[in-house]
Amino acid sequence: MWRREANTVVRRVPPLPEQTTAPFAIVAGLRIPSVPTEWSPHAHPLHELVWVRGGTLTSRVRDRVFTVSTGHGLWMPAGTTHGGRVTAGARFYEAFFAPDRAPFAFEEPRAIEMTPLLESLLNHLSRTDLDAAARARAESVVYDVLQPSERQFALQLPGDARIDVIAEALLDDPADCRSLEEWARLLGISDRTVTRAFRQATGLSFAQWRQALRVHRALALLSEGLDVTTVSEVLGYAQPSTFIASFRKVVGTTPGAFSASAGSAPGNVRNSVSPVRDS
């Protein structure tokens, strides 16, 4: 995915909560990584829903990169191999769903709208002292209110050998400003070939795809507390105004408004269990 920060801790997937072996349909929990944390590619036998408060989660699933920030979550179907990364200090929540007890399940990874009601219900289900009737009532409402987000924040990677080197270079350094013509010369192919390959593989032109990639990266940088001007410079924009216009086009709001909403979001949903703090 993105270039790994120097102090990133890479972890293997943690063991599933003990309660997943009990007759629970949904098990929820919380951990707070104190440093940027990355999980190696792995899969779970259960459906998984992860979301963050006060940070950003990025996950790569095959040929797509998902970026979810405060107010959104990511549904991962059981058996789907994925890797993930979360920014330092983010409140990282997770819930696991037993496939044989779920009345429905999304067959592909999906961004989920984390409404206050959904978060409160999942937080309620993190308790281990609920009786069977109370748990069943809460679980049934979770399935009623769990809905995909209007914006999926999924970046389609090309998966085309002719242009994959461009995609990987930009993932490593979104500020790389080489033009389509420069890339074509470097790869020994025509401009038209690069343009056609991006359109066929991603549905976007080269310029549109690079713009979308930079906005994905901006979501994480803004969540880490960087100001708009700094993010603009890090991502290679000549002017902050250009970055603001690009961000608004993809996300539907300005970077400043996004930062304000992320900072004031009701992320401190009361927890009935103690968080696990990764160090």
C-alpha atoms as a PDB file:
ATOM      1  CA  MET A   1       0.000   0.000   0.000  1.00  0.00           C
ATOM      2  CA  TRP A   2       1.378   3.390   1.027  1.00  0.00           C
ATOM      3  CA  ARG A   3       4.991   3.952   1.926  1.00  0.00           C
ATOM      4  CA  ARG A   4       5.495   2.585   5.426  1.00  0.00           C
ATOM      5  CA  GLU A   5       6.340   5.167   8.108  1.00  0.00           C
ATOM      6  CA  ALA A   6       9.651   4.619   9.876  1.00  0.00           C
ATOM      7  CA  ASN A   7       8.071   3.757  13.230  1.00  0.00           C
ATOM      8  CA  THR A   8       5.339   1.467  11.884  1.00  0.00           C
ATOM      9  CA  VAL A   9       4.889  -1.789  13.797  1.00  0.00           C
ATOM     10  CA  VAL A  10       4.023  -4.765  11.601  1.00  0.00           C
ATOM     11  CA  ARG A  11       1.975  -7.417  13.363  1.00  0.00           C
ATOM     12  CA  ARG A  12       0.555 -10.780  12.547  1.00  0.00           C
ATOM     13  CA  VAL A  13      -3.191 -11.003  12.865  1.00  0.00           C
ATOM     14  CA  PRO A  14      -4.151 -11.126  16.566  1.00  0.00           C
ATOM     15  CA  PRO A  15      -6.114 -14.138  17.798  1.00  0.00           C
ATOM     16  CA  LEU A  16      -9.880 -13.888  17.658  1.00  0.00           C
ATOM     17  CA  PRO A  17     -11.632 -12.881  20.900  1.00  0.00           C
ATOM     18  CA  GLU A  18     -12.352 -15.817  23.169  1.00  0.00           C
ATOM     19  CA  GLN A  19     -16.090 -15.167  22.934  1.00  0.00           C
ATOM     20  CA  THR A  20     -16.098 -16.155  19.250  1.00  0.00           C
ATOM     21  CA  THR A  21     -15.961 -19.770  20.391  1.00  0.00           C
ATOM     22  CA  ALA A  22     -19.130 -19.239  22.435  1.00  0.00           C
ATOM     23  CA  PRO A  23     -22.641 -19.171  20.960  1.00  0.00           C
ATOM     24  CA  PHE A  24     -22.484 -15.443  20.140  1.00  0.00           C
ATOM     25  CA  ALA A  25     -23.490 -14.201  16.687  1.00  0.00           C
ATOM     26  CA  ILE A  26     -21.583 -10.914  17.120  1.00  0.00           C
ATOM     27  CA  VAL A  27     -18.481 -10.198  19.217  1.00  0.00           C
ATOM     28  CA  ALA A  28     -17.062  -6.656  19.431  1.00  0.00           C
ATOM     29  CA  GLY A  29     -13.931  -5.123  20.951  1.00  0.00           C
ATOM     30  CA  LEU A  30     -11.510  -2.184  20.912  1.00  0.00           C
ATOM     31  CA  ARG A  31      -7.769  -1.628  20.715  1.00  0.00           C
ATOM     32  CA  ILE A  32      -5.718   1.591  20.547  1.00  0.00           C
ATOM     33  CA  PRO A  33      -2.393   1.305  18.678  1.00  0.00           C
ATOM     34  CA  SER A  34       0.082   3.824  20.107  1.00  0.00           C
ATOM     35  CA  VAL A  35       2.152   3.823  16.893  1.00  0.00           C
ATOM     36  CA  PRO A  36       1.254   3.372  13.197  1.00  0.00           C
ATOM     37  CA  THR A  37       0.354  -0.298  12.980  1.00  0.00           C
ATOM     38  CA  GLU A  38       0.161  -2.632  10.014  1.00  0.00           C
ATOM     39  CA  TRP A  39      -1.289  -6.133   9.918  1.00  0.00           C
ATOM     40  CA  SER A  40       0.179  -8.647   7.496  1.00  0.00           C
ATOM     41  CA  PRO A  41      -2.196 -10.212   4.946  1.00  0.00           C
ATOM     42  CA  HIS A  42      -4.531 -12.647   6.661  1.00  0.00           C
ATOM     43  CA  ALA A  43      -8.076 -13.998   6.615  1.00  0.00           C
ATOM     44  CA  HIS A  44     -10.677 -14.781   9.277  1.00  0.00           C
ATOM     45  CA  PRO A  45     -13.220 -17.618   9.420  1.00  0.00           C
ATOM     46  CA  LEU A  46     -15.770 -14.991  10.534  1.00  0.00           C
ATOM     47  CA  HIS A  47     -17.152 -11.888   8.859  1.00  0.00           C
ATOM     48  CA  GLU A  48     -15.382  -8.815  10.245  1.00  0.00           C
ATOM     49  CA  LEU A  49     -16.404  -5.183  10.614  1.00  0.00           C
ATOM     50  CA  VAL A  50     -13.670  -2.725  11.563  1.00  0.00           C
ATOM     51  CA  TRP A  51     -13.923   1.012  12.136  1.00  0.00           C
ATOM     52  CA  VAL A  52     -11.874   3.790  13.678  1.00  0.00           C
ATOM     53  CA  ARG A  53     -12.321   6.996  15.613  1.00  0.00           C
ATOM     54  CA  GLY A  54      -9.684   9.704  15.584  1.00  0.00           C
ATOM     55  CA  GLY A  55      -7.709   8.200  12.726  1.00  0.00           C
ATOM     56  CA  THR A  56      -7.823   6.315   9.458  1.00  0.00           C
ATOM     57  CA  LEU A  57      -7.801   2.660   8.458  1.00  0.00           C
ATOM     58  CA  THR A  58      -6.442   1.523   5.102  1.00  0.00           C
ATOM     59  CA  SER A  59      -6.868  -2.008   3.793  1.00  0.00           C
ATOM     60  CA  ARG A  60      -5.674  -3.648   0.604  1.00  0.00           C
ATOM     61  CA  VAL A  61      -7.823  -6.461  -0.756  1.00  0.00           C
ATOM     62  CA  ARG A  62      -6.554  -7.972  -3.982  1.00  0.00           C
ATOM     63  CA  ASP A  63      -6.699  -5.168  -6.550  1.00  0.00           C
ATOM     64  CA  ARG A  64      -8.438  -2.564  -4.386  1.00  0.00           C
ATOM     65  CA  VAL A  65      -7.366  -0.193  -1.632  1.00  0.00           C
ATOM     66  CA  PHE A  66     -10.049   0.866   0.872  1.00  0.00           C
ATOM     67  CA  THR A  67      -9.591   3.959   3.029  1.00  0.00           C
ATOM     68  CA  VAL A  68     -12.061   4.472   5.851  1.00  0.00           C
ATOM     69  CA  SER A  69     -12.034   7.324   8.329  1.00  0.00           C
ATOM     70  CA  THR A  70     -14.100   8.433  11.303  1.00  0.00           C
ATOM     71  CA  GLY A  71     -17.778   7.737  10.703  1.00  0.00           C
ATOM     72  CA  HIS A  72     -17.180   4.808   8.387  1.00  0.00           C
ATOM     73  CA  GLY A  73     -16.250   1.164   8.741  1.00  0.00           C
ATOM     74  CA  LEU A  74     -15.137  -1.686   6.500  1.00  0.00           C
ATOM     75  CA  TRP A  75     -16.959  -5.003   6.183  1.00  0.00           C
ATOM     76  CA  MET A  76     -14.675  -7.923   5.334  1.00  0.00           C
ATOM     77  CA  PRO A  77     -16.396 -11.189   4.342  1.00  0.00           C
ATOM     78  CA  ALA A  78     -15.214 -14.381   6.003  1.00  0.00           C
ATOM     79  CA  GLY A  79     -12.253 -15.953   4.238  1.00  0.00           C
ATOM     80  CA  THR A  80     -11.183 -12.762   2.433  1.00  0.00           C
ATOM     81  CA  THR A  81      -7.424 -12.233   2.521  1.00  0.00           C
ATOM     82  CA  HIS A  82      -6.593  -8.651   3.416  1.00  0.00           C
ATOM     83  CA  GLY A  83      -3.894  -6.514   4.966  1.00  0.00           C
ATOM     84  CA  GLY A  84      -4.516  -3.394   7.002  1.00  0.00           C
ATOM     85  CA  ARG A  85      -2.929  -0.286   8.393  1.00  0.00           C
ATOM     86  CA  VAL A  86      -4.166   2.125  11.060  1.00  0.00           C
ATOM     87  CA  THR A  87      -2.795   5.493  12.121  1.00  0.00           C
ATOM     88  CA  ALA A  88      -1.237   5.965  15.565  1.00  0.00           C
ATOM     89  CA  GLY A  89      -3.600   6.719  18.429  1.00  0.00           C
ATOM     90  CA  ALA A  90      -6.729   5.802  16.497  1.00  0.00           C
ATOM     91  CA  ARG A  91      -9.417   3.994  18.457  1.00  0.00           C
ATOM     92  CA  PHE A  92      -9.612   0.788  16.431  1.00  0.00           C
ATOM     93  CA  TYR A  93     -12.861  -1.122  16.841  1.00  0.00           C
ATOM     94  CA  GLU A  94     -13.681  -4.556  15.483  1.00  0.00           C
ATOM     95  CA  ALA A  95     -16.708  -6.813  15.454  1.00  0.00           C
ATOM     96  CA  PHE A  96     -16.892 -10.412  14.273  1.00  0.00           C
ATOM     97  CA  PHE A  97     -20.031 -12.031  12.870  1.00  0.00           C
ATOM     98  CA  ALA A  98     -20.647 -15.789  12.812  1.00  0.00           C
ATOM     99  CA  PRO A  99     -21.422 -16.628   9.145  1.00  0.00           C
ATOM    100  CA  ASP A 100     -23.865 -19.402  10.033  1.00  0.00           C
ATOM    101  CA  ARG A 101     -25.918 -17.054  12.213  1.00  0.00           C
ATOM    102  CA  ALA A 102     -25.897 -13.912  10.060  1.00  0.00           C
ATOM    103  CA  PRO A 103     -29.238 -13.323   8.286  1.00  0.00           C
ATOM    104  CA  PHE A 104     -27.318 -11.662   5.457  1.00  0.00           C
ATOM    105  CA  ALA A 105     -23.751 -10.863   4.518  1.00  0.00           C
ATOM    106  CA  PHE A 106     -22.103  -8.665   1.919  1.00  0.00           C
ATOM    107  CA  GLU A 107     -20.167 -10.898  -0.448  1.00  0.00           C
ATOM    108  CA  GLU A 108     -17.505  -8.271  -1.163  1.00  0.00           C
ATOM    109  CA  PRO A 109     -15.669  -5.806   1.092  1.00  0.00           C
ATOM    110  CA  ARG A 110     -17.880  -2.776   1.623  1.00  0.00           C
ATOM    111  CA  ALA A 111     -17.554   0.576   3.377  1.00  0.00           C
ATOM    112  CA  ILE A 112     -20.221   0.772   6.096  1.00  0.00           C
ATOM    113  CA  GLU A 113     -21.960   3.842   7.536  1.00  0.00           C
ATOM    114  CA  MET A 114     -21.090   3.801  11.242  1.00  0.00           C
ATOM    115  CA  THR A 115     -24.108   5.610  12.653  1.00  0.00           C
ATOM    116  CA  PRO A 116     -24.231   6.429  16.387  1.00  0.00           C
ATOM    117  CA  LEU A 117     -26.927   3.766  16.786  1.00  0.00           C
ATOM    118  CA  LEU A 118     -24.839   1.054  15.115  1.00  0.00           C
ATOM    119  CA  GLU A 119     -21.766   1.952  17.167  1.00  0.00           C
ATOM    120  CA  SER A 120     -23.765   1.979  20.395  1.00  0.00           C
ATOM    121  CA  LEU A 121     -25.251  -1.428  19.648  1.00  0.00           C
ATOM    122  CA  LEU A 122     -21.880  -2.978  18.852  1.00  0.00           C
ATOM    123  CA  ASN A 123     -20.389  -1.384  21.944  1.00  0.00           C
ATOM    124  CA  HIS A 124     -23.278  -2.878  23.945  1.00  0.00           C
ATOM    125  CA  LEU A 125     -22.482  -6.285  22.452  1.00  0.00           C
ATOM    126  CA  SER A 126     -18.873  -6.025  23.637  1.00  0.00           C
ATOM    127  CA  ARG A 127     -20.202  -6.824  27.114  1.00  0.00           C
ATOM    128  CA  THR A 128     -19.855 -10.411  28.272  1.00  0.00           C
ATOM    129  CA  ASP A 129     -22.578 -10.233  30.937  1.00  0.00           C
ATOM    130  CA  LEU A 130     -25.590  -9.929  28.626  1.00  0.00           C
ATOM    131  CA  ASP A 131     -28.170 -12.664  28.918  1.00  0.00           C
ATOM    132  CA  ALA A 132     -29.178 -14.550  25.788  1.00  0.00           C
ATOM    133  CA  ALA A 133     -32.418 -12.630  25.279  1.00  0.00           C
ATOM    134  CA  ALA A 134     -30.781  -9.192  25.566  1.00  0.00           C
ATOM    135  CA  ARG A 135     -27.996 -10.214  23.208  1.00  0.00           C
ATOM    136  CA  ALA A 136     -30.441 -11.602  20.647  1.00  0.00           C
ATOM    137  CA  ARG A 137     -32.458  -8.358  20.680  1.00  0.00           C
ATOM    138  CA  ALA A 138     -29.381  -6.203  20.148  1.00  0.00           C
ATOM    139  CA  GLU A 139     -27.994  -8.470  17.435  1.00  0.00           C
ATOM    140  CA  SER A 140     -31.261  -8.356  15.470  1.00  0.00           C
ATOM    141  CA  VAL A 141     -31.227  -4.542  15.473  1.00  0.00           C
ATOM    142  CA  VAL A 142     -27.585  -4.480  14.313  1.00  0.00           C
ATOM    143  CA  TYR A 143     -28.571  -6.322  11.163  1.00  0.00           C
ATOM    144  CA  ASP A 144     -31.459  -3.903  10.642  1.00  0.00           C
ATOM    145  CA  VAL A 145     -29.288  -0.765  10.774  1.00  0.00           C
ATOM    146  CA  LEU A 146     -26.035  -2.031   9.200  1.00  0.00           C
ATOM    147  CA  GLN A 147     -25.929  -0.338   5.786  1.00  0.00           C
ATOM    148  CA  PRO A 148     -23.238   0.441   3.164  1.00  0.00           C
ATOM    149  CA  SER A 149     -21.893   3.981   2.974  1.00  0.00           C
ATOM    150  CA  GLU A 150     -22.908   6.128   0.033  1.00  0.00           C
ATOM    151  CA  ARG A 151     -19.204   6.645  -0.712  1.00  0.00           C
ATOM    152  CA  GLN A 152     -17.132   3.502  -0.812  1.00  0.00           C
ATOM    153  CA  PHE A 153     -13.654   5.145  -0.863  1.00  0.00           C
ATOM    154  CA  ALA A 154     -12.282   2.196  -2.821  1.00  0.00           C
ATOM    155  CA  LEU A 155      -9.353   2.756  -5.168  1.00  0.00           C
ATOM    156  CA  GLN A 156      -9.216   0.251  -8.010  1.00  0.00           C
ATOM    157  CA  LEU A 157      -5.639  -0.815  -8.779  1.00  0.00           C
ATOM    158  CA  PRO A 158      -4.904  -1.503 -12.451  1.00  0.00           C
ATOM    159  CA  GLY A 159      -3.823  -5.135 -12.329  1.00  0.00           C
ATOM    160  CA  ASP A 160      -2.321  -4.637 -15.789  1.00  0.00           C
ATOM    161  CA  ALA A 161       1.354  -5.511 -16.229  1.00  0.00           C
ATOM    162  CA  ARG A 162       1.810  -2.636 -18.674  1.00  0.00           C
ATOM    163  CA  ILE A 163       1.019   0.034 -16.080  1.00  0.00           C
ATOM    164  CA  ASP A 164       1.293  -1.664 -12.669  1.00  0.00           C
ATOM    165  CA  VAL A 165       4.731  -0.092 -12.202  1.00  0.00           C
ATOM    166  CA  ILE A 166       3.086   3.349 -12.399  1.00  0.00           C
ATOM    167  CA  ALA A 167       0.479   2.438  -9.791  1.00  0.00           C
ATOM    168  CA  GLU A 168       3.025   0.975  -7.381  1.00  0.00           C
ATOM    169  CA  ALA A 169       5.327   4.001  -7.764  1.00  0.00           C
ATOM    170  CA  LEU A 170       2.461   6.374  -6.968  1.00  0.00           C
ATOM    171  CA  LEU A 171       1.340   4.273  -4.016  1.00  0.00           C
ATOM    172  CA  ASP A 172       4.887   4.553  -2.689  1.00  0.00           C
ATOM    173  CA  ASP A 173       5.100   8.272  -3.438  1.00  0.00           C
ATOM    174  CA  PRO A 174       1.814  10.037  -4.299  1.00  0.00           C
ATOM    175  CA  ALA A 175       3.804  13.252  -4.891  1.00  0.00           C
ATOM    176  CA  ASP A 176       5.498  11.721  -7.954  1.00  0.00           C
ATOM    177  CA  CYS A 177       4.629  14.319 -10.603  1.00  0.00           C
ATOM    178  CA  ARG A 178       5.864  12.532 -13.704  1.00  0.00           C
ATOM    179  CA  SER A 179       3.469  13.118 -16.577  1.00  0.00           C
ATOM    180  CA  LEU A 180       1.703  10.496 -18.634  1.00  0.00           C
ATOM    181  CA  GLU A 181       4.145  11.217 -21.466  1.00  0.00           C
ATOM    182  CA  GLU A 182       7.150  10.738 -19.182  1.00  0.00           C
ATOM    183  CA  TRP A 183       5.816   7.419 -17.924  1.00  0.00           C
ATOM    184  CA  ALA A 184       5.129   6.257 -21.482  1.00  0.00           C
ATOM    185  CA  ARG A 185       8.710   7.023 -22.519  1.00  0.00           C
ATOM    186  CA  LEU A 186      10.103   5.292 -19.428  1.00  0.00           C
ATOM    187  CA  LEU A 187       8.057   2.153 -20.111  1.00  0.00           C
ATOM    188  CA  GLY A 188       8.683   2.187 -23.849  1.00  0.00           C
ATOM    189  CA  ILE A 189       4.989   2.302 -24.764  1.00  0.00           C
ATOM    190  CA  SER A 190       2.785   4.939 -26.343  1.00  0.00           C
ATOM    191  CA  ASP A 191       0.761   7.585 -24.520  1.00  0.00           C
ATOM    192  CA  ARG A 192      -2.386   6.060 -25.981  1.00  0.00           C
ATOM    193  CA  THR A 193      -1.500   2.637 -24.570  1.00  0.00           C
ATOM    194  CA  VAL A 194      -1.119   4.057 -21.052  1.00  0.00           C
ATOM    195  CA  THR A 195      -4.356   6.016 -21.349  1.00  0.00           C
ATOM    196  CA  ARG A 196      -6.300   3.049 -22.702  1.00  0.00           C
ATOM    197  CA  ALA A 197      -4.877   0.677 -20.079  1.00  0.00           C
ATOM    198  CA  PHE A 198      -5.917   2.963 -17.187  1.00  0.00           C
ATOM    199  CA  ARG A 199      -9.408   3.415 -18.643  1.00  0.00           C
ATOM    200  CA  GLN A 200      -9.922  -0.302 -19.181  1.00  0.00           C
ATOM    201  CA  ALA A 201      -8.553  -1.363 -15.799  1.00  0.00           C
ATOM    202  CA  THR A 202      -9.881   1.354 -13.491  1.00  0.00           C
ATOM    203  CA  GLY A 203     -12.535   3.289 -15.398  1.00  0.00           C
ATOM    204  CA  LEU A 204     -10.492   6.460 -14.868  1.00  0.00           C
ATOM    205  CA  SER A 205      -7.932   8.368 -16.885  1.00  0.00           C
ATOM    206  CA  PHE A 206      -4.357   8.438 -15.603  1.00  0.00           C
ATOM    207  CA  ALA A 207      -4.859  11.962 -14.212  1.00  0.00           C
ATOM    208  CA  GLN A 208      -8.169  11.052 -12.539  1.00  0.00           C
ATOM    209  CA  TRP A 209      -6.690   7.907 -11.003  1.00  0.00           C
ATOM    210  CA  ARG A 210      -3.704   9.783  -9.592  1.00  0.00           C
ATOM    211  CA  GLN A 211      -6.066  12.408  -8.200  1.00  0.00           C
ATOM    212  CA  ALA A 212      -8.155   9.721  -6.484  1.00  0.00           C
ATOM    213  CA  LEU A 213      -5.038   8.063  -5.059  1.00  0.00           C
ATOM    214  CA  ARG A 214      -3.786  11.347  -3.626  1.00  0.00           C
ATOM    215  CA  VAL A 215      -7.141  11.996  -1.967  1.00  0.00           C
ATOM    216  CA  HIS A 216      -7.049   8.525  -0.381  1.00  0.00           C
ATOM    217  CA  ARG A 217      -3.645   9.343   1.058  1.00  0.00           C
ATOM    218  CA  ALA A 218      -4.865  12.776   2.150  1.00  0.00           C
ATOM    219  CA  LEU A 219      -7.579  11.178   4.305  1.00  0.00           C
ATOM    220  CA  ALA A 220      -4.903   9.487   6.416  1.00  0.00           C
ATOM    221  CA  LEU A 221      -2.617  12.528   6.579  1.00  0.00           C
ATOM    222  CA  LEU A 222      -5.461  14.828   7.653  1.00  0.00           C
ATOM    223  CA  SER A 223      -6.547  12.286  10.278  1.00  0.00           C
ATOM    224  CA  GLU A 224      -3.007  12.357  11.662  1.00  0.00           C
ATOM    225  CA  GLY A 225      -3.398  16.085  12.301  1.00  0.00           C
ATOM    226  CA  LEU A 226      -1.477  17.588   9.378  1.00  0.00           C
ATOM    227  CA  ASP A 227      -2.811  20.911   8.150  1.00  0.00           C
ATOM    228  CA  VAL A 228      -4.165  21.421   4.641  1.00  0.00           C
ATOM    229  CA  THR A 229      -1.096  23.292   3.357  1.00  0.00           C
ATOM    230  CA  THR A 230       1.294  20.599   4.584  1.00  0.00           C
ATOM    231  CA  VAL A 231      -0.806  17.801   3.104  1.00  0.00           C
ATOM    232  CA  SER A 232      -0.933  19.678  -0.185  1.00  0.00           C
ATOM    233  CA  GLU A 233       2.864  19.916  -0.255  1.00  0.00           C
ATOM    234  CA  VAL A 234       3.386  16.271   0.767  1.00  0.00           C
ATOM    235  CA  LEU A 235       1.133  15.123  -2.068  1.00  0.00           C
ATOM    236  CA  GLY A 236       2.901  17.220  -4.703  1.00  0.00           C
ATOM    237  CA  TYR A 237       0.312  19.916  -5.371  1.00  0.00           C
ATOM    238  CA  ALA A 238       1.685  23.237  -6.553  1.00  0.00           C
ATOM    239  CA  GLN A 239      -1.047  25.163  -4.750  1.00  0.00           C
ATOM    240  CA  PRO A 240      -3.262  24.299  -1.755  1.00  0.00           C
ATOM    241  CA  SER A 241      -6.257  25.549  -3.747  1.00  0.00           C
ATOM    242  CA  THR A 242      -5.686  22.811  -6.338  1.00  0.00           C
ATOM    243  CA  PHE A 243      -5.577  20.182  -3.618  1.00  0.00           C
ATOM    244  CA  ILE A 244      -8.741  21.550  -1.988  1.00  0.00           C
ATOM    245  CA  ALA A 245     -10.599  21.416  -5.320  1.00  0.00           C
ATOM    246  CA  SER A 246      -9.441  17.831  -5.978  1.00  0.00           C
ATOM    247  CA  PHE A 247     -10.389  16.718  -2.479  1.00  0.00           C
ATOM    248  CA  ARG A 248     -13.842  18.278  -2.712  1.00  0.00           C
ATOM    249  CA  LYS A 249     -14.457  16.607  -6.094  1.00  0.00           C
ATOM    250  CA  VAL A 250     -13.686  13.122  -4.741  1.00  0.00           C
ATOM    251  CA  VAL A 251     -14.920  13.345  -1.137  1.00  0.00           C
ATOM    252  CA  GLY A 252     -17.708  15.880  -1.496  1.00  0.00           C
ATOM    253  CA  THR A 253     -16.366  18.270   1.141  1.00  0.00           C
ATOM    254  CA  THR A 254     -13.252  20.369   1.736  1.00  0.00           C
ATOM    255  CA  PRO A 255     -10.185  19.051   3.590  1.00  0.00           C
ATOM    256  CA  GLY A 256     -10.773  21.583   6.349  1.00  0.00           C
ATOM    257  CA  ALA A 257     -14.378  20.480   6.832  1.00  0.00           C
ATOM    258  CA  PHE A 258     -13.291  16.842   6.826  1.00  0.00           C
ATOM    259  CA  SER A 259     -10.678  17.506   9.518  1.00  0.00           C
ATOM    260  CA  ALA A 260     -13.180  19.418  11.633  1.00  0.00           C
ATOM    261  CA  SER A 261     -15.808  16.676  11.424  1.00  0.00           C
ATOM    262  CA  ALA A 262     -13.249  13.967  12.202  1.00  0.00           C
ATOM    263  CA  GLY A 263     -11.983  15.895  15.194  1.00  0.00           C
ATOM    264  CA  SER A 264     -15.429  16.589  16.605  1.00  0.00           C
ATOM    265  CA  ALA A 265     -17.013  13.224  15.770  1.00  0.00           C
ATOM    266  CA  PRO A 266     -18.614  11.447  18.710  1.00  0.00           C
ATOM    267  CA  GLY A 267     -15.860   8.884  18.823  1.00  0.00           C
ATOM    268  CA  ASN A 268     -15.780   8.514  22.562  1.00  0.00           C
ATOM    269  CA  VAL A 269     -18.702   6.126  22.673  1.00  0.00           C
ATOM    270  CA  ARG A 270     -18.736   4.857  26.234  1.00  0.00           C
ATOM    271  CA  ASN A 271     -17.000   1.504  26.491  1.00  0.00           C
ATOM    272  CA  SER A 272     -18.066  -1.188  28.905  1.00  0.00           C
ATOM    273  CA  VAL A 273     -14.798  -3.061  28.396  1.00  0.00           C
ATOM    274  CA  SER A 274     -11.232  -1.866  28.808  1.00  0.00           C
ATOM    275  CA  PRO A 275      -9.426  -1.181  25.533  1.00  0.00           C
ATOM    276  CA  VAL A 276      -6.308  -3.053  24.531  1.00  0.00           C
ATOM    277  CA  ARG A 277      -3.513  -0.551  23.990  1.00  0.00           C
ATOM    278  CA  ASP A 278      -0.914  -1.758  21.511  1.00  0.00           C
ATOM    279  CA  SER A 279       2.599  -0.536  22.083  1.00  0.00           C
END
